Amino acid sequence: MLWAGGARAEECRLALLLALDVSSSVDDDEYRLQKEGLAAALSDPDVRRAILEGEGTVALSVYEWSGRRQSVMVLDWTMLSDQGRLDQAVGTILAAPRSHNRFPTAMGYALGYGSRLLERAPPCLRKVIDVSGDGITNDGFRPQQAYLHFPFANVTVNGLAVLGSDPRVVDYFRGEVAHGPGAFVEVAEGYEDFRRAMTLKLFRELNDMIVGQLSDEKRPAQ
């Protein structure tokens, strides 16, 4: 079975979809720290090795989300098959302008959008949506309703909760957002800590680790 990009199903081990918060609670400096933090995490040597040296290829896509109909793709599905493809993906992320900055937090709608993007992903052994955000849903339906009404069978949703904007964010991500087999939530101590938290989260996802397996010697270099 071939995907449009020519990759065989058995060659792809992970379809990873990253969702970045661009709601009104994220100012321009925080947005820059978020985007540059993601680019730096994808460029981390340990993360790169996990992407390029594992058994099977990783497919990556990225989108920004905020209001009910303000989800916008930043990077279409890309097979990270070599250093050049990975460098190109990082460059695309860094070059993309911010899509929105004045809409509320419609996380249920954002997850619905993500589920549709996953439907057109290359066939992979695992499917993961990776949602970053600094607040809770204040517009539209909640994540749990998205999981009931959109195709989330065999999909894991992990979270990166950013502290600072809403004191409820960590509990919300753990209780409402994390979903599916092996789901977990990483916490960033503000957007200044986004790079570290994203690097660790990607490392865990790429190596399919559970918390108990992530010993200190396996943590990626900062």
Protein backbone atom coordinates (compact mmCIF):
# COMPACT_ATOMS: atom_id res chain seq x y z
CA MET A 1 0.00 0.00 0.00
CA LEU A 2 1.50 3.32 -1.10
CA TRP A 3 0.92 6.82 0.22
CA ALA A 4 0.86 9.75 -2.25
CA GLY A 5 4.46 10.51 -1.31
CA GLY A 6 5.55 7.00 -2.27
CA ALA A 7 6.29 5.69 1.22
CA ARG A 8 5.23 2.15 2.05
CA ALA A 9 3.19 1.62 5.22
CA GLU A 10 5.85 -0.58 6.80
CA GLU A 11 8.43 2.16 6.29
CA CYS A 12 6.65 4.69 8.52
CA ARG A 13 6.71 4.10 12.25
CA LEU A 14 5.13 7.38 13.43
CA ALA A 15 2.82 10.06 12.03
CA LEU A 16 3.45 13.03 14.34
CA LEU A 17 1.16 16.06 14.13
CA LEU A 18 2.23 19.12 16.14
CA ALA A 19 -0.39 21.72 17.10
CA LEU A 20 0.82 25.17 18.25
CA ASP A 21 -1.31 27.63 20.24
CA VAL A 22 -1.72 31.07 18.61
CA SER A 23 -4.74 32.22 20.63
CA SER A 24 -4.98 35.74 22.05
CA SER A 25 -3.27 34.68 25.32
CA VAL A 26 0.00 34.16 23.40
CA ASP A 27 1.79 37.45 22.75
CA ASP A 28 4.34 38.01 19.99
CA ASP A 29 7.38 37.27 22.16
CA GLU A 30 5.78 34.07 23.46
CA TYR A 31 4.89 33.04 19.93
CA ARG A 32 8.50 33.53 18.86
CA LEU A 33 9.75 31.46 21.80
CA GLN A 34 7.25 28.72 20.92
CA LYS A 35 8.18 28.54 17.24
CA GLU A 36 11.92 28.88 17.78
CA GLY A 37 11.70 26.37 20.63
CA LEU A 38 10.07 23.81 18.34
CA ALA A 39 12.68 24.39 15.64
CA ALA A 40 15.47 24.00 18.20
CA ALA A 41 13.91 20.83 19.59
CA LEU A 42 13.75 19.29 16.11
CA SER A 43 17.40 20.26 15.65
CA ASP A 44 18.53 18.76 18.97
CA PRO A 45 21.15 16.03 18.29
CA ASP A 46 19.38 13.39 20.36
CA VAL A 47 16.01 14.14 18.76
CA ARG A 48 17.57 14.05 15.31
CA ARG A 49 19.10 10.66 16.01
CA ALA A 50 15.76 9.38 17.27
CA ILE A 51 14.09 10.59 14.05
CA LEU A 52 16.68 9.43 11.54
CA GLU A 53 18.20 6.32 13.10
CA GLY A 54 15.09 4.51 14.31
CA GLU A 55 13.51 1.57 12.53
CA GLY A 56 11.18 3.18 10.03
CA THR A 57 10.57 6.75 8.93
CA VAL A 58 8.78 9.53 10.82
CA ALA A 59 6.12 11.63 9.06
CA LEU A 60 5.70 15.17 10.44
CA SER A 61 3.06 17.86 10.01
CA VAL A 62 2.51 21.12 11.95
CA TYR A 63 -0.48 23.44 12.34
CA GLU A 64 -1.41 26.50 14.40
CA TRP A 65 -4.73 26.73 16.23
CA SER A 66 -6.80 29.27 18.13
CA GLY A 67 -10.51 30.00 17.44
CA ARG A 68 -13.23 27.76 16.05
CA ARG A 69 -12.17 28.13 12.42
CA GLN A 70 -8.67 29.52 12.80
CA SER A 71 -6.59 26.35 12.49
CA VAL A 72 -3.97 26.78 9.76
CA MET A 73 -1.42 24.30 8.41
CA VAL A 74 2.22 25.37 8.73
CA LEU A 75 3.92 22.22 7.42
CA ASP A 76 2.14 19.63 5.29
CA TRP A 77 2.99 15.95 5.80
CA THR A 78 6.69 15.44 5.25
CA MET A 79 8.62 12.18 5.46
CA LEU A 80 11.73 12.92 7.55
CA SER A 81 13.84 10.41 5.70
CA ASP A 82 17.18 12.23 5.85
CA GLN A 83 18.97 15.31 7.22
CA GLY A 84 17.96 17.41 4.23
CA ARG A 85 14.24 16.72 4.66
CA LEU A 86 14.48 17.49 8.37
CA ASP A 87 16.38 20.73 7.73
CA GLN A 88 13.79 21.74 5.15
CA ALA A 89 10.95 21.08 7.62
CA VAL A 90 12.64 23.20 10.29
CA GLY A 91 13.16 26.00 7.77
CA THR A 92 9.49 25.92 6.75
CA ILE A 93 8.40 26.19 10.39
CA LEU A 94 10.69 29.14 11.06
CA ALA A 95 9.70 30.99 7.88
CA ALA A 96 5.93 30.71 8.38
CA PRO A 97 4.18 33.92 9.52
CA ARG A 98 1.86 33.81 12.52
CA SER A 99 -1.59 32.86 11.25
CA HIS A 100 -3.76 34.56 13.92
CA ASN A 101 -3.38 36.52 17.17
CA ARG A 102 -6.78 37.68 18.40
CA PHE A 103 -9.02 34.63 18.69
CA PRO A 104 -10.00 32.58 21.78
CA THR A 105 -9.05 29.03 22.77
CA ALA A 106 -11.20 26.53 20.87
CA MET A 107 -9.27 23.35 21.61
CA GLY A 108 -12.07 20.98 20.66
CA TYR A 109 -12.25 22.51 17.19
CA ALA A 110 -8.45 22.37 16.96
CA LEU A 111 -8.46 18.65 17.72
CA GLY A 112 -11.20 18.07 15.17
CA TYR A 113 -9.04 19.81 12.57
CA GLY A 114 -6.08 17.67 13.63
CA SER A 115 -8.05 14.45 13.26
CA ARG A 116 -8.83 15.38 9.65
CA LEU A 117 -5.17 16.06 8.95
CA LEU A 118 -4.30 12.65 10.37
CA GLU A 119 -6.74 11.03 7.94
CA ARG A 120 -4.58 12.23 5.05
CA ALA A 121 -1.29 11.29 6.70
CA PRO A 122 0.86 8.50 5.25
CA PRO A 123 0.00 5.10 6.73
CA CYS A 124 2.12 4.66 9.86
CA LEU A 125 2.25 2.24 12.77
CA ARG A 126 1.47 4.99 15.31
CA LYS A 127 -0.49 8.25 15.08
CA VAL A 128 0.17 11.05 17.58
CA ILE A 129 -1.21 14.58 17.90
CA ASP A 130 0.98 16.79 20.05
CA VAL A 131 -0.98 19.80 21.39
CA SER A 132 0.79 22.80 22.96
CA GLY A 133 -1.11 25.49 24.84
CA ASP A 134 -1.20 27.87 27.79
CA GLY A 135 -4.92 27.85 28.55
CA ILE A 136 -8.17 25.91 28.65
CA THR A 137 -11.06 25.81 26.18
CA ASN A 138 -13.14 28.99 26.34
CA ASP A 139 -14.88 28.75 22.98
CA GLY A 140 -16.78 25.89 21.38
CA PHE A 141 -16.83 22.25 22.47
CA ARG A 142 -14.29 20.58 24.74
CA PRO A 143 -11.60 18.03 23.81
CA GLN A 144 -13.60 15.14 25.26
CA GLN A 145 -16.44 15.94 22.84
CA ALA A 146 -13.96 16.01 19.97
CA TYR A 147 -12.81 12.51 20.93
CA LEU A 148 -16.42 11.29 20.81
CA HIS A 149 -17.38 12.82 17.47
CA PHE A 150 -14.19 12.77 15.37
CA PRO A 151 -12.13 9.74 14.26
CA PHE A 152 -9.66 9.23 17.11
CA ALA A 153 -9.46 5.43 17.10
CA ASN A 154 -5.83 4.34 17.65
CA VAL A 155 -4.71 7.98 17.96
CA THR A 156 -2.69 9.22 20.93
CA VAL A 157 -2.96 12.88 21.96
CA ASN A 158 -0.13 14.21 24.11
CA GLY A 159 0.03 17.68 25.60
CA LEU A 160 2.56 20.38 26.35
CA ALA A 161 1.02 22.62 29.02
CA VAL A 162 2.68 26.04 29.31
CA LEU A 163 2.45 27.67 32.72
CA GLY A 164 1.76 31.36 33.19
CA SER A 165 -1.54 32.31 31.57
CA ASP A 166 -4.00 30.07 33.43
CA PRO A 167 -3.34 28.20 36.71
CA ARG A 168 -5.70 25.41 35.62
CA VAL A 169 -3.76 24.52 32.47
CA VAL A 170 -1.86 21.47 33.75
CA ASP A 171 -4.90 19.82 35.35
CA TYR A 172 -6.93 20.57 32.23
CA PHE A 173 -4.37 19.03 29.90
CA ARG A 174 -4.09 15.94 32.09
CA GLY A 175 -7.83 15.52 32.58
CA GLU A 176 -9.24 16.71 29.25
CA VAL A 177 -6.55 16.70 26.56
CA ALA A 178 -4.37 13.60 27.07
CA HIS A 179 -6.02 10.76 25.18
CA GLY A 180 -5.29 7.29 23.87
CA PRO A 181 -2.61 4.65 24.47
CA GLY A 182 0.45 5.92 26.34
CA ALA A 183 -0.74 9.55 26.41
CA PHE A 184 1.18 11.98 28.63
CA VAL A 185 1.52 15.70 29.38
CA GLU A 186 4.81 17.58 29.51
CA VAL A 187 4.95 20.89 31.42
CA ALA A 188 6.88 24.03 30.42
CA GLU A 189 7.62 26.64 33.09
CA GLY A 190 6.55 29.46 30.79
CA TYR A 191 7.47 29.98 27.14
CA GLU A 192 11.11 30.53 28.10
CA ASP A 193 11.08 26.82 29.00
CA PHE A 194 9.27 25.72 25.83
CA ARG A 195 12.39 24.51 24.06
CA ARG A 196 13.42 22.20 26.91
CA ALA A 197 9.93 20.80 27.39
CA MET A 198 9.38 20.24 23.66
CA THR A 199 12.77 18.56 23.27
CA LEU A 200 12.00 16.13 26.08
CA LYS A 201 8.49 15.46 24.78
CA LEU A 202 9.65 14.75 21.24
CA PHE A 203 12.35 12.44 22.57
CA ARG A 204 9.76 10.47 24.53
CA GLU A 205 7.35 10.28 21.60
CA LEU A 206 9.96 9.24 19.10
CA ASN A 207 11.22 6.48 21.36
CA ASP A 208 7.69 5.45 22.42
CA MET A 209 8.66 5.77 26.07
CA ILE A 210 6.49 5.68 29.17
CA VAL A 211 7.44 7.79 32.17
CA GLY A 212 9.02 4.95 34.12
CA GLN A 213 11.42 4.22 31.27
CA LEU A 214 12.76 7.76 31.00
CA SER A 215 15.79 7.58 33.26
CA ASP A 216 18.17 10.51 33.65
CA GLU A 217 20.76 9.05 31.31
CA LYS A 218 18.17 8.85 28.51
CA ARG A 219 17.19 12.51 28.74
CA PRO A 220 18.30 14.49 25.69
CA ALA A 221 21.10 17.01 26.01
CA GLN A 222 19.99 20.61 26.47
